[in-house]
Amino acid sequence: MTDRTGTPSAAVVGSAAAGKATHLSRLGVTTRLLDEATEPDTVRIELAVGTGRADLAFVAPDESLHRLLPALRDSGVPVWVDLADWDGERSRVHDPFVEAASCVFLSDIELDDPLRTAEQLVPGKELVVITHGKRGATAFFPDTEPFFVLPHDVGPVVDTAGVRDAFCSGVAYGFVHGWDWPRALRAGAVVAGGCVAVPSAVDPGLTTEWLHAQL
């Protein structure tokens, strides 16, 4: 789905996920940022109607956003969540996001057994990604073999601030353009590689043209 201009669109819910909104906007995705004060009815209207149905909703794992999860599910829009600080154990904060999301991003730094966690989650998801820092990432799917995402080197590492937002946004860019998962995941690695090569949380040179040239 796209907005009425034909441009892919995404909703980013929660101020903690604002970095993803910035990256997606730089990549030409129409992005709506909904903050913690947003009401459930507003979510339903914005995602299902607004300027056009959103292609995905990236939600910050903030407990204050639990009340919006039913509205997000009702909208029919795929819910994505980045649980970088989750250890894979039952948690009243994280569990509602895990249950609501179709795509989940995790970090192996926090997980005692990343493979076990991924295998437990993936049957009910479209995609589960375990990131490995500078070693890349592994994507798990319910109906096919895991896919290892190689890191993309565009220069020496200068600053890792914003790298998770960059990676997740690159994958989301591929998804809203209808790419297959391997290509979308490579896009995530490319955007992340560009992010860590500059002294800022968003690569000032990030454009769709640059991304496509790197793939």
N, C-alpha and C. Protein backbone atom coordinates (compact mmCIF):
# COMPACT_ATOMS: atom_id res chain seq x y z
N MET A 1 0.84 -1.20 0.00
CA MET A 1 0.00 0.00 0.00
C MET A 1 0.88 1.25 0.00
N THR A 2 0.33 2.34 -0.50
CA THR A 2 1.06 3.61 -0.55
C THR A 2 0.10 4.74 -0.20
N ASP A 3 0.67 5.94 -0.05
CA ASP A 3 -0.20 7.08 0.17
C ASP A 3 -0.80 7.51 -1.18
N ARG A 4 -1.60 8.55 -1.18
CA ARG A 4 -2.32 8.93 -2.39
C ARG A 4 -1.43 9.53 -3.46
N THR A 5 -0.20 9.81 -3.13
CA THR A 5 0.75 10.30 -4.13
C THR A 5 1.49 9.15 -4.77
N GLY A 6 1.23 7.92 -4.32
CA GLY A 6 1.95 6.77 -4.85
C GLY A 6 3.25 6.50 -4.14
N THR A 7 3.52 7.24 -3.07
CA THR A 7 4.77 7.07 -2.31
C THR A 7 4.56 6.09 -1.17
N PRO A 8 5.45 5.11 -0.97
CA PRO A 8 5.33 4.22 0.18
C PRO A 8 5.28 5.02 1.48
N SER A 9 4.52 4.52 2.44
CA SER A 9 4.36 5.28 3.69
C SER A 9 4.51 4.38 4.90
N ALA A 10 4.92 4.99 6.00
CA ALA A 10 5.11 4.28 7.26
C ALA A 10 4.68 5.18 8.40
N ALA A 11 4.21 4.55 9.47
CA ALA A 11 3.95 5.27 10.71
C ALA A 11 5.02 4.86 11.71
N VAL A 12 5.51 5.83 12.46
CA VAL A 12 6.46 5.57 13.53
C VAL A 12 5.78 6.02 14.82
N VAL A 13 5.60 5.09 15.75
CA VAL A 13 4.82 5.35 16.95
C VAL A 13 5.74 5.40 18.16
N GLY A 14 5.78 6.56 18.82
CA GLY A 14 6.62 6.72 20.00
C GLY A 14 7.86 7.53 19.72
N SER A 15 8.15 8.49 20.59
CA SER A 15 9.28 9.39 20.36
C SER A 15 10.61 8.66 20.37
N ALA A 16 10.71 7.53 21.09
CA ALA A 16 11.97 6.79 21.14
C ALA A 16 12.33 6.18 19.79
N ALA A 17 11.37 6.09 18.89
CA ALA A 17 11.62 5.55 17.55
C ALA A 17 11.78 6.66 16.51
N ALA A 18 11.94 7.89 16.96
CA ALA A 18 12.02 9.02 16.03
C ALA A 18 13.18 8.90 15.06
N GLY A 19 14.28 8.26 15.48
CA GLY A 19 15.41 8.08 14.58
C GLY A 19 15.04 7.28 13.35
N LYS A 20 14.14 6.32 13.51
CA LYS A 20 13.68 5.54 12.36
C LYS A 20 12.87 6.41 11.42
N ALA A 21 12.07 7.31 11.98
CA ALA A 21 11.31 8.23 11.15
C ALA A 21 12.24 9.11 10.33
N THR A 22 13.32 9.58 10.94
CA THR A 22 14.27 10.43 10.23
C THR A 22 14.92 9.68 9.07
N HIS A 23 15.36 8.46 9.33
CA HIS A 23 15.99 7.66 8.26
C HIS A 23 15.01 7.38 7.13
N LEU A 24 13.79 6.97 7.48
CA LEU A 24 12.81 6.66 6.45
C LEU A 24 12.46 7.88 5.62
N SER A 25 12.35 9.03 6.27
CA SER A 25 12.07 10.26 5.52
C SER A 25 13.20 10.59 4.56
N ARG A 26 14.45 10.39 5.00
CA ARG A 26 15.59 10.64 4.12
C ARG A 26 15.57 9.72 2.90
N LEU A 27 14.94 8.57 3.07
CA LEU A 27 14.85 7.60 1.97
C LEU A 27 13.57 7.77 1.15
N GLY A 28 12.87 8.86 1.37
CA GLY A 28 11.72 9.17 0.54
C GLY A 28 10.43 8.48 0.92
N VAL A 29 10.40 7.84 2.09
CA VAL A 29 9.17 7.20 2.57
C VAL A 29 8.34 8.23 3.32
N THR A 30 7.09 8.41 2.92
CA THR A 30 6.20 9.30 3.66
C THR A 30 6.02 8.76 5.07
N THR A 31 6.40 9.55 6.06
CA THR A 31 6.46 9.05 7.43
C THR A 31 5.62 9.90 8.36
N ARG A 32 4.77 9.25 9.13
CA ARG A 32 3.95 9.93 10.13
C ARG A 32 4.45 9.53 11.52
N LEU A 33 4.85 10.50 12.31
CA LEU A 33 5.33 10.24 13.67
C LEU A 33 4.20 10.51 14.65
N LEU A 34 3.79 9.47 15.36
CA LEU A 34 2.72 9.57 16.35
C LEU A 34 3.33 9.44 17.74
N ASP A 35 3.12 10.44 18.60
CA ASP A 35 3.78 10.42 19.90
C ASP A 35 2.95 9.69 20.95
N GLU A 36 3.48 9.68 22.18
CA GLU A 36 2.86 8.92 23.26
C GLU A 36 1.48 9.45 23.64
N ALA A 37 1.17 10.68 23.30
CA ALA A 37 -0.13 11.26 23.64
C ALA A 37 -1.22 10.90 22.63
N THR A 38 -0.86 10.24 21.56
CA THR A 38 -1.82 9.88 20.52
C THR A 38 -2.90 8.95 21.08
N GLU A 39 -4.15 9.22 20.71
CA GLU A 39 -5.26 8.39 21.17
C GLU A 39 -5.47 7.20 20.23
N PRO A 40 -5.99 6.08 20.75
CA PRO A 40 -6.21 4.91 19.91
C PRO A 40 -7.05 5.19 18.66
N ASP A 41 -8.11 5.99 18.79
CA ASP A 41 -8.93 6.29 17.62
C ASP A 41 -8.15 7.05 16.57
N THR A 42 -7.23 7.89 17.01
CA THR A 42 -6.38 8.62 16.06
C THR A 42 -5.48 7.65 15.31
N VAL A 43 -4.96 6.65 16.02
CA VAL A 43 -4.13 5.64 15.36
C VAL A 43 -4.92 4.94 14.28
N ARG A 44 -6.15 4.53 14.60
CA ARG A 44 -6.97 3.82 13.61
C ARG A 44 -7.22 4.68 12.38
N ILE A 45 -7.50 5.95 12.61
CA ILE A 45 -7.78 6.86 11.49
C ILE A 45 -6.52 7.11 10.68
N GLU A 46 -5.42 7.41 11.36
CA GLU A 46 -4.17 7.74 10.66
C GLU A 46 -3.64 6.58 9.84
N LEU A 47 -3.71 5.38 10.39
CA LEU A 47 -3.12 4.24 9.68
C LEU A 47 -4.03 3.69 8.60
N ALA A 48 -5.34 3.75 8.82
CA ALA A 48 -6.25 3.17 7.84
C ALA A 48 -6.71 4.18 6.80
N VAL A 49 -6.70 5.46 7.17
CA VAL A 49 -7.20 6.48 6.26
C VAL A 49 -6.10 7.51 6.05
N GLY A 50 -6.08 8.56 6.89
CA GLY A 50 -5.05 9.59 6.76
C GLY A 50 -4.89 10.02 5.31
N THR A 51 -3.65 10.08 4.83
CA THR A 51 -3.40 10.37 3.42
C THR A 51 -3.28 9.09 2.63
N GLY A 52 -3.66 7.98 3.24
CA GLY A 52 -3.54 6.68 2.59
C GLY A 52 -3.04 5.67 3.60
N ARG A 53 -3.42 4.44 3.43
CA ARG A 53 -3.07 3.39 4.38
C ARG A 53 -1.56 3.23 4.47
N ALA A 54 -1.05 3.13 5.71
CA ALA A 54 0.39 2.95 5.91
C ALA A 54 0.80 1.53 5.51
N ASP A 55 2.05 1.39 5.07
CA ASP A 55 2.58 0.08 4.70
C ASP A 55 3.11 -0.68 5.92
N LEU A 56 3.52 0.05 6.95
CA LEU A 56 3.95 -0.59 8.19
C LEU A 56 3.92 0.45 9.30
N ALA A 57 3.93 -0.05 10.54
CA ALA A 57 4.01 0.82 11.71
C ALA A 57 5.16 0.35 12.58
N PHE A 58 6.16 1.20 12.77
CA PHE A 58 7.30 0.90 13.64
C PHE A 58 6.99 1.46 15.01
N VAL A 59 6.96 0.62 16.03
CA VAL A 59 6.53 1.04 17.36
C VAL A 59 7.70 0.99 18.34
N ALA A 60 7.88 2.06 19.10
CA ALA A 60 8.89 2.08 20.15
C ALA A 60 8.42 1.19 21.29
N PRO A 61 9.31 0.37 21.89
CA PRO A 61 8.91 -0.52 22.99
C PRO A 61 8.80 0.21 24.31
N ASP A 62 7.88 1.15 24.37
CA ASP A 62 7.67 1.97 25.56
C ASP A 62 6.36 1.53 26.22
N GLU A 63 6.40 1.28 27.51
CA GLU A 63 5.22 0.77 28.21
C GLU A 63 4.01 1.68 28.05
N SER A 64 4.25 2.97 27.90
CA SER A 64 3.13 3.91 27.74
C SER A 64 2.37 3.69 26.44
N LEU A 65 2.96 2.92 25.52
CA LEU A 65 2.31 2.67 24.23
C LEU A 65 1.51 1.37 24.20
N HIS A 66 1.49 0.63 25.31
CA HIS A 66 0.69 -0.60 25.36
C HIS A 66 -0.76 -0.33 24.95
N ARG A 67 -1.29 0.81 25.38
CA ARG A 67 -2.70 1.10 25.13
C ARG A 67 -3.01 1.28 23.65
N LEU A 68 -1.98 1.52 22.83
CA LEU A 68 -2.20 1.72 21.40
C LEU A 68 -2.10 0.42 20.60
N LEU A 69 -1.60 -0.64 21.22
CA LEU A 69 -1.38 -1.88 20.47
C LEU A 69 -2.67 -2.48 19.91
N PRO A 70 -3.80 -2.50 20.65
CA PRO A 70 -5.03 -3.02 20.03
C PRO A 70 -5.44 -2.23 18.79
N ALA A 71 -5.28 -0.91 18.82
CA ALA A 71 -5.63 -0.10 17.65
C ALA A 71 -4.70 -0.40 16.48
N LEU A 72 -3.43 -0.61 16.78
CA LEU A 72 -2.49 -0.97 15.72
C LEU A 72 -2.85 -2.31 15.10
N ARG A 73 -3.20 -3.28 15.92
CA ARG A 73 -3.62 -4.58 15.39
C ARG A 73 -4.89 -4.44 14.55
N ASP A 74 -5.85 -3.65 15.05
CA ASP A 74 -7.12 -3.47 14.33
C ASP A 74 -6.92 -2.84 12.96
N SER A 75 -5.88 -2.03 12.83
CA SER A 75 -5.64 -1.33 11.56
C SER A 75 -5.25 -2.27 10.44
N GLY A 76 -4.74 -3.45 10.80
CA GLY A 76 -4.28 -4.39 9.78
C GLY A 76 -2.92 -4.07 9.21
N VAL A 77 -2.29 -3.01 9.71
CA VAL A 77 -0.96 -2.61 9.24
C VAL A 77 0.09 -3.46 9.95
N PRO A 78 1.09 -4.00 9.24
CA PRO A 78 2.14 -4.77 9.90
C PRO A 78 2.84 -3.95 10.98
N VAL A 79 2.97 -4.52 12.16
CA VAL A 79 3.63 -3.86 13.28
C VAL A 79 5.06 -4.38 13.40
N TRP A 80 6.02 -3.47 13.42
CA TRP A 80 7.43 -3.81 13.58
C TRP A 80 7.92 -3.22 14.89
N VAL A 81 8.83 -3.93 15.56
CA VAL A 81 9.37 -3.42 16.82
C VAL A 81 10.84 -3.81 16.94
N ASP A 82 11.63 -2.88 17.48
CA ASP A 82 13.06 -3.09 17.71
C ASP A 82 13.26 -3.23 19.22
N LEU A 83 13.52 -4.46 19.67
CA LEU A 83 13.68 -4.74 21.10
C LEU A 83 15.15 -4.92 21.43
N ALA A 84 15.93 -3.89 21.23
CA ALA A 84 17.39 -3.98 21.39
C ALA A 84 17.81 -4.31 22.81
N ASP A 85 16.98 -3.96 23.79
CA ASP A 85 17.35 -4.16 25.19
C ASP A 85 16.65 -5.36 25.83
N TRP A 86 15.98 -6.18 25.04
CA TRP A 86 15.22 -7.31 25.59
C TRP A 86 16.11 -8.53 25.74
N ASP A 87 15.98 -9.23 26.86
CA ASP A 87 16.82 -10.41 27.12
C ASP A 87 16.16 -11.72 26.71
N GLY A 88 14.98 -11.63 26.10
CA GLY A 88 14.30 -12.83 25.63
C GLY A 88 13.43 -13.51 26.65
N GLU A 89 13.43 -13.01 27.89
CA GLU A 89 12.61 -13.61 28.94
C GLU A 89 11.26 -12.90 29.05
N ARG A 90 10.32 -13.55 29.72
CA ARG A 90 9.00 -12.94 29.90
C ARG A 90 9.14 -11.59 30.59
N SER A 91 8.40 -10.61 30.12
CA SER A 91 8.51 -9.25 30.64
C SER A 91 7.20 -8.53 30.41
N ARG A 92 6.67 -7.88 31.44
CA ARG A 92 5.40 -7.17 31.27
C ARG A 92 5.54 -5.99 30.33
N VAL A 93 6.76 -5.45 30.20
CA VAL A 93 6.98 -4.34 29.28
C VAL A 93 7.07 -4.84 27.85
N HIS A 94 7.87 -5.89 27.63
CA HIS A 94 8.15 -6.32 26.26
C HIS A 94 7.13 -7.28 25.68
N ASP A 95 6.51 -8.12 26.50
CA ASP A 95 5.62 -9.16 25.98
C ASP A 95 4.52 -8.63 25.07
N PRO A 96 3.82 -7.54 25.41
CA PRO A 96 2.77 -7.06 24.52
C PRO A 96 3.29 -6.67 23.13
N PHE A 97 4.50 -6.14 23.06
CA PHE A 97 5.08 -5.78 21.77
C PHE A 97 5.47 -7.02 20.97
N VAL A 98 6.02 -8.00 21.66
CA VAL A 98 6.37 -9.26 21.00
C VAL A 98 5.13 -9.90 20.40
N GLU A 99 4.03 -9.90 21.15
CA GLU A 99 2.80 -10.52 20.68
C GLU A 99 2.18 -9.76 19.52
N ALA A 100 2.29 -8.44 19.52
CA ALA A 100 1.64 -7.63 18.49
C ALA A 100 2.42 -7.56 17.19
N ALA A 101 3.73 -7.74 17.26
CA ALA A 101 4.58 -7.48 16.10
C ALA A 101 4.61 -8.64 15.12
N SER A 102 4.70 -8.30 13.83
CA SER A 102 4.93 -9.30 12.79
C SER A 102 6.42 -9.41 12.47
N CYS A 103 7.17 -8.34 12.75
CA CYS A 103 8.62 -8.34 12.53
C CYS A 103 9.29 -7.82 13.80
N VAL A 104 10.28 -8.58 14.29
CA VAL A 104 10.94 -8.25 15.54
C VAL A 104 12.45 -8.21 15.32
N PHE A 105 13.08 -7.15 15.82
CA PHE A 105 14.54 -7.00 15.76
C PHE A 105 15.09 -7.12 17.18
N LEU A 106 16.11 -7.95 17.36
CA LEU A 106 16.73 -8.18 18.66
C LEU A 106 18.24 -8.03 18.54
N SER A 107 18.90 -7.93 19.69
CA SER A 107 20.36 -7.85 19.72
C SER A 107 20.93 -9.05 20.46
N ASP A 108 21.95 -9.69 19.89
CA ASP A 108 22.54 -10.85 20.57
C ASP A 108 23.30 -10.47 21.83
N ILE A 109 23.57 -9.19 22.02
CA ILE A 109 24.27 -8.75 23.23
C ILE A 109 23.44 -9.06 24.48
N GLU A 110 22.12 -8.94 24.36
CA GLU A 110 21.24 -9.11 25.52
C GLU A 110 20.74 -10.54 25.70
N LEU A 111 20.92 -11.40 24.70
CA LEU A 111 20.31 -12.73 24.72
C LEU A 111 21.30 -13.80 25.17
N ASP A 112 20.90 -14.62 26.12
CA ASP A 112 21.75 -15.74 26.55
C ASP A 112 21.86 -16.79 25.44
N ASP A 113 20.76 -17.03 24.75
CA ASP A 113 20.73 -18.04 23.69
C ASP A 113 19.97 -17.46 22.50
N PRO A 114 20.64 -16.68 21.64
CA PRO A 114 19.95 -16.03 20.52
C PRO A 114 19.20 -17.00 19.61
N LEU A 115 19.81 -18.15 19.32
CA LEU A 115 19.16 -19.11 18.42
C LEU A 115 17.86 -19.64 19.03
N ARG A 116 17.90 -19.98 20.30
CA ARG A 116 16.69 -20.48 20.96
C ARG A 116 15.60 -19.43 20.96
N THR A 117 15.97 -18.18 21.26
CA THR A 117 14.99 -17.10 21.28
C THR A 117 14.36 -16.92 19.91
N ALA A 118 15.18 -16.90 18.87
CA ALA A 118 14.66 -16.73 17.51
C ALA A 118 13.74 -17.88 17.12
N GLU A 119 14.13 -19.09 17.44
CA GLU A 119 13.32 -20.26 17.08
C GLU A 119 11.99 -20.27 17.82
N GLN A 120 11.97 -19.73 19.04
CA GLN A 120 10.71 -19.65 19.79
C GLN A 120 9.78 -18.60 19.21
N LEU A 121 10.34 -17.51 18.72
CA LEU A 121 9.53 -16.40 18.23
C LEU A 121 9.02 -16.59 16.81
N VAL A 122 9.84 -17.16 15.95
CA VAL A 122 9.60 -17.07 14.51
C VAL A 122 8.33 -17.77 14.02
N PRO A 123 7.81 -18.83 14.65
CA PRO A 123 6.60 -19.45 14.11
C PRO A 123 5.42 -18.50 13.96
N GLY A 124 5.32 -17.49 14.80
CA GLY A 124 4.20 -16.56 14.71
C GLY A 124 4.53 -15.24 14.05
N LYS A 125 5.70 -15.15 13.42
CA LYS A 125 6.15 -13.88 12.84
C LYS A 125 6.45 -14.01 11.35
N GLU A 126 6.55 -12.87 10.68
CA GLU A 126 7.05 -12.85 9.31
C GLU A 126 8.58 -12.87 9.30
N LEU A 127 9.16 -12.20 10.28
CA LEU A 127 10.61 -12.02 10.30
C LEU A 127 11.08 -11.79 11.73
N VAL A 128 12.17 -12.45 12.10
CA VAL A 128 12.87 -12.16 13.35
C VAL A 128 14.33 -11.96 12.99
N VAL A 129 14.90 -10.83 13.41
CA VAL A 129 16.30 -10.52 13.10
C VAL A 129 17.09 -10.40 14.38
N ILE A 130 18.19 -11.13 14.46
CA ILE A 130 19.14 -11.00 15.56
C ILE A 130 20.35 -10.26 15.02
N THR A 131 20.63 -9.08 15.56
CA THR A 131 21.79 -8.33 15.10
C THR A 131 23.03 -8.74 15.90
N HIS A 132 24.18 -8.69 15.22
CA HIS A 132 25.45 -9.10 15.83
C HIS A 132 26.48 -7.97 15.81
N GLY A 133 26.03 -6.73 15.84
CA GLY A 133 26.97 -5.62 15.80
C GLY A 133 27.76 -5.61 14.50
N LYS A 134 29.07 -5.45 14.60
CA LYS A 134 29.90 -5.34 13.40
C LYS A 134 29.99 -6.64 12.62
N ARG A 135 29.44 -7.74 13.19
CA ARG A 135 29.48 -9.03 12.50
C ARG A 135 28.27 -9.25 11.60
N GLY A 136 27.36 -8.30 11.56
CA GLY A 136 26.20 -8.44 10.69
C GLY A 136 24.95 -8.82 11.46
N ALA A 137 24.11 -9.65 10.86
CA ALA A 137 22.84 -10.03 11.48
C ALA A 137 22.38 -11.36 10.88
N THR A 138 21.48 -12.03 11.60
CA THR A 138 20.87 -13.25 11.08
C THR A 138 19.36 -13.08 11.09
N ALA A 139 18.73 -13.36 9.95
CA ALA A 139 17.28 -13.25 9.82
C ALA A 139 16.66 -14.64 9.84
N PHE A 140 15.57 -14.76 10.58
CA PHE A 140 14.86 -16.03 10.70
C PHE A 140 13.45 -15.87 10.15
N PHE A 141 12.97 -16.91 9.48
CA PHE A 141 11.66 -16.90 8.84
C PHE A 141 10.89 -18.15 9.25
N PRO A 142 9.55 -18.10 9.20
CA PRO A 142 8.77 -19.27 9.62
C PRO A 142 8.81 -20.43 8.63
N ASP A 143 9.15 -20.16 7.37
CA ASP A 143 9.01 -21.20 6.35
C ASP A 143 10.24 -21.40 5.47
N THR A 144 11.38 -20.86 5.87
CA THR A 144 12.59 -21.05 5.08
C THR A 144 13.81 -20.95 5.99
N GLU A 145 14.97 -21.26 5.43
CA GLU A 145 16.19 -21.28 6.23
C GLU A 145 16.61 -19.87 6.65
N PRO A 146 17.35 -19.74 7.75
CA PRO A 146 17.86 -18.42 8.15
C PRO A 146 18.76 -17.82 7.08
N PHE A 147 18.83 -16.50 7.09
CA PHE A 147 19.64 -15.77 6.11
C PHE A 147 20.63 -14.90 6.87
N PHE A 148 21.92 -15.07 6.59
CA PHE A 148 22.93 -14.26 7.26
C PHE A 148 23.16 -12.98 6.47
N VAL A 149 23.10 -11.85 7.16
CA VAL A 149 23.26 -10.54 6.54
C VAL A 149 24.68 -10.06 6.80
N LEU A 150 25.46 -9.98 5.75
CA LEU A 150 26.84 -9.51 5.90
C LEU A 150 26.87 -8.02 6.20
N PRO A 151 27.80 -7.56 7.03
CA PRO A 151 27.95 -6.11 7.23
C PRO A 151 28.41 -5.45 5.94
N HIS A 152 28.04 -4.20 5.78
CA HIS A 152 28.42 -3.45 4.58
C HIS A 152 29.44 -2.38 4.96
N ASP A 153 30.61 -2.45 4.38
CA ASP A 153 31.71 -1.56 4.74
C ASP A 153 31.79 -0.40 3.76
N VAL A 154 31.53 0.81 4.26
CA VAL A 154 31.69 2.00 3.42
C VAL A 154 32.81 2.89 3.94
N GLY A 155 33.55 2.40 4.92
CA GLY A 155 34.66 3.17 5.47
C GLY A 155 34.86 2.85 6.94
N PRO A 156 35.88 3.43 7.56
CA PRO A 156 36.17 3.18 8.98
C PRO A 156 34.99 3.58 9.87
N VAL A 157 34.81 2.85 10.96
CA VAL A 157 33.75 3.17 11.91
C VAL A 157 34.13 4.44 12.68
N VAL A 158 33.25 5.42 12.62
CA VAL A 158 33.47 6.70 13.29
C VAL A 158 32.58 6.83 14.53
N ASP A 159 31.32 6.43 14.39
CA ASP A 159 30.35 6.60 15.48
C ASP A 159 29.22 5.60 15.26
N THR A 160 28.87 4.83 16.29
CA THR A 160 27.81 3.84 16.13
C THR A 160 26.43 4.35 16.55
N ALA A 161 26.34 5.61 16.95
CA ALA A 161 25.04 6.17 17.33
C ALA A 161 24.09 6.10 16.13
N GLY A 162 22.90 5.60 16.37
CA GLY A 162 21.89 5.55 15.32
C GLY A 162 21.96 4.34 14.42
N VAL A 163 22.91 3.43 14.67
CA VAL A 163 23.10 2.33 13.72
C VAL A 163 21.90 1.38 13.69
N ARG A 164 21.26 1.14 14.83
CA ARG A 164 20.09 0.25 14.82
C ARG A 164 18.94 0.89 14.06
N ASP A 165 18.72 2.17 14.28
CA ASP A 165 17.68 2.87 13.52
C ASP A 165 17.98 2.78 12.03
N ALA A 166 19.25 2.93 11.67
CA ALA A 166 19.64 2.87 10.27
C ALA A 166 19.35 1.50 9.68
N PHE A 167 19.77 0.45 10.38
CA PHE A 167 19.57 -0.91 9.87
C PHE A 167 18.08 -1.22 9.72
N CYS A 168 17.32 -0.99 10.78
CA CYS A 168 15.89 -1.29 10.73
C CYS A 168 15.19 -0.50 9.63
N SER A 169 15.58 0.75 9.45
CA SER A 169 14.95 1.59 8.44
C SER A 169 15.28 1.13 7.04
N GLY A 170 16.52 0.67 6.84
CA GLY A 170 16.88 0.14 5.53
C GLY A 170 16.05 -1.08 5.17
N VAL A 171 15.85 -1.97 6.14
CA VAL A 171 15.02 -3.15 5.91
C VAL A 171 13.58 -2.72 5.62
N ALA A 172 13.08 -1.76 6.39
CA ALA A 172 11.72 -1.26 6.19
C ALA A 172 11.57 -0.63 4.81
N TYR A 173 12.59 0.09 4.36
CA TYR A 173 12.55 0.70 3.02
C TYR A 173 12.34 -0.39 1.97
N GLY A 174 13.10 -1.46 2.08
CA GLY A 174 12.94 -2.55 1.12
C GLY A 174 11.56 -3.17 1.20
N PHE A 175 11.05 -3.34 2.42
CA PHE A 175 9.73 -3.95 2.60
C PHE A 175 8.63 -3.13 1.95
N VAL A 176 8.62 -1.82 2.20
CA VAL A 176 7.53 -1.00 1.65
C VAL A 176 7.63 -0.85 0.14
N HIS A 177 8.79 -1.19 -0.43
CA HIS A 177 8.92 -1.19 -1.89
C HIS A 177 8.72 -2.57 -2.49
N GLY A 178 8.32 -3.53 -1.66
CA GLY A 178 8.00 -4.85 -2.17
C GLY A 178 9.17 -5.74 -2.50
N TRP A 179 10.35 -5.42 -1.95
CA TRP A 179 11.53 -6.24 -2.21
C TRP A 179 11.43 -7.56 -1.46
N ASP A 180 12.16 -8.58 -1.94
CA ASP A 180 12.23 -9.81 -1.17
C ASP A 180 13.09 -9.57 0.08
N TRP A 181 12.97 -10.48 1.04
CA TRP A 181 13.66 -10.27 2.32
C TRP A 181 15.17 -10.16 2.18
N PRO A 182 15.84 -11.03 1.41
CA PRO A 182 17.30 -10.88 1.32
C PRO A 182 17.74 -9.50 0.83
N ARG A 183 17.06 -8.97 -0.18
CA ARG A 183 17.45 -7.65 -0.69
C ARG A 183 17.12 -6.56 0.34
N ALA A 184 15.97 -6.66 0.99
CA ALA A 184 15.61 -5.67 2.00
C ALA A 184 16.61 -5.70 3.16
N LEU A 185 17.03 -6.89 3.56
CA LEU A 185 18.00 -7.00 4.65
C LEU A 185 19.36 -6.44 4.24
N ARG A 186 19.74 -6.66 3.00
CA ARG A 186 21.00 -6.06 2.52
C ARG A 186 20.90 -4.54 2.53
N ALA A 187 19.72 -4.01 2.20
CA ALA A 187 19.53 -2.56 2.27
C ALA A 187 19.74 -2.06 3.69
N GLY A 188 19.26 -2.83 4.67
CA GLY A 188 19.50 -2.46 6.06
C GLY A 188 20.97 -2.40 6.39
N ALA A 189 21.73 -3.39 5.91
CA ALA A 189 23.17 -3.40 6.16
C ALA A 189 23.87 -2.22 5.50
N VAL A 190 23.42 -1.85 4.31
CA VAL A 190 24.03 -0.72 3.60
C VAL A 190 23.78 0.58 4.36
N VAL A 191 22.53 0.82 4.77
CA VAL A 191 22.21 2.05 5.49
C VAL A 191 22.96 2.10 6.82
N ALA A 192 23.07 0.96 7.49
CA ALA A 192 23.83 0.90 8.75
C ALA A 192 25.30 1.18 8.51
N GLY A 193 25.86 0.64 7.43
CA GLY A 193 27.26 0.88 7.11
C GLY A 193 27.55 2.35 6.86
N GLY A 194 26.63 3.02 6.19
CA GLY A 194 26.81 4.45 5.97
C GLY A 194 26.69 5.25 7.24
N CYS A 195 25.82 4.80 8.14
CA CYS A 195 25.60 5.52 9.40
C CYS A 195 26.84 5.52 10.28
N VAL A 196 27.50 4.36 10.41
CA VAL A 196 28.65 4.28 11.33
C VAL A 196 29.90 4.94 10.76
N ALA A 197 29.87 5.30 9.50
CA ALA A 197 31.04 5.92 8.87
C ALA A 197 31.05 7.44 9.00
N VAL A 198 30.04 8.00 9.70
CA VAL A 198 29.95 9.45 9.87
C VAL A 198 29.77 9.78 11.35
N PRO A 199 30.15 10.99 11.78
CA PRO A 199 30.04 11.36 13.20
C PRO A 199 28.67 11.90 13.58
N SER A 200 27.61 11.23 13.15
CA SER A 200 26.25 11.66 13.48
C SER A 200 25.34 10.45 13.44
N ALA A 201 24.14 10.61 14.02
CA ALA A 201 23.21 9.49 14.11
C ALA A 201 22.53 9.17 12.79
N VAL A 202 22.58 10.10 11.85
CA VAL A 202 22.02 9.89 10.51
C VAL A 202 23.05 10.33 9.50
N ASP A 203 23.33 9.48 8.53
CA ASP A 203 24.29 9.82 7.48
C ASP A 203 23.75 10.98 6.65
N PRO A 204 24.41 12.14 6.63
CA PRO A 204 23.91 13.27 5.85
C PRO A 204 23.89 12.99 4.35
N GLY A 205 24.64 11.99 3.93
CA GLY A 205 24.66 11.63 2.51
C GLY A 205 23.66 10.57 2.13
N LEU A 206 22.78 10.18 3.08
CA LEU A 206 21.82 9.12 2.81
C LEU A 206 20.74 9.59 1.84
N THR A 207 20.66 8.94 0.71
CA THR A 207 19.61 9.18 -0.28
C THR A 207 19.24 7.85 -0.91
N THR A 208 18.11 7.82 -1.58
CA THR A 208 17.73 6.59 -2.28
C THR A 208 18.74 6.26 -3.38
N GLU A 209 19.26 7.29 -4.04
CA GLU A 209 20.23 7.05 -5.11
C GLU A 209 21.50 6.40 -4.55
N TRP A 210 21.97 6.91 -3.42
CA TRP A 210 23.16 6.33 -2.79
C TRP A 210 22.91 4.88 -2.40
N LEU A 211 21.76 4.62 -1.78
CA LEU A 211 21.43 3.27 -1.34
C LEU A 211 21.41 2.30 -2.53
N HIS A 212 20.74 2.67 -3.59
CA HIS A 212 20.64 1.78 -4.75
C HIS A 212 22.00 1.55 -5.39
N ALA A 213 22.85 2.55 -5.37
CA ALA A 213 24.18 2.39 -5.95
C ALA A 213 25.04 1.43 -5.14
N GLN A 214 24.77 1.33 -3.83
CA GLN A 214 25.56 0.47 -2.96
C GLN A 214 25.12 -0.99 -3.00
N LEU A 215 23.88 -1.22 -3.40
CA LEU A 215 23.34 -2.59 -3.39
C LEU A 215 23.92 -3.43 -4.53
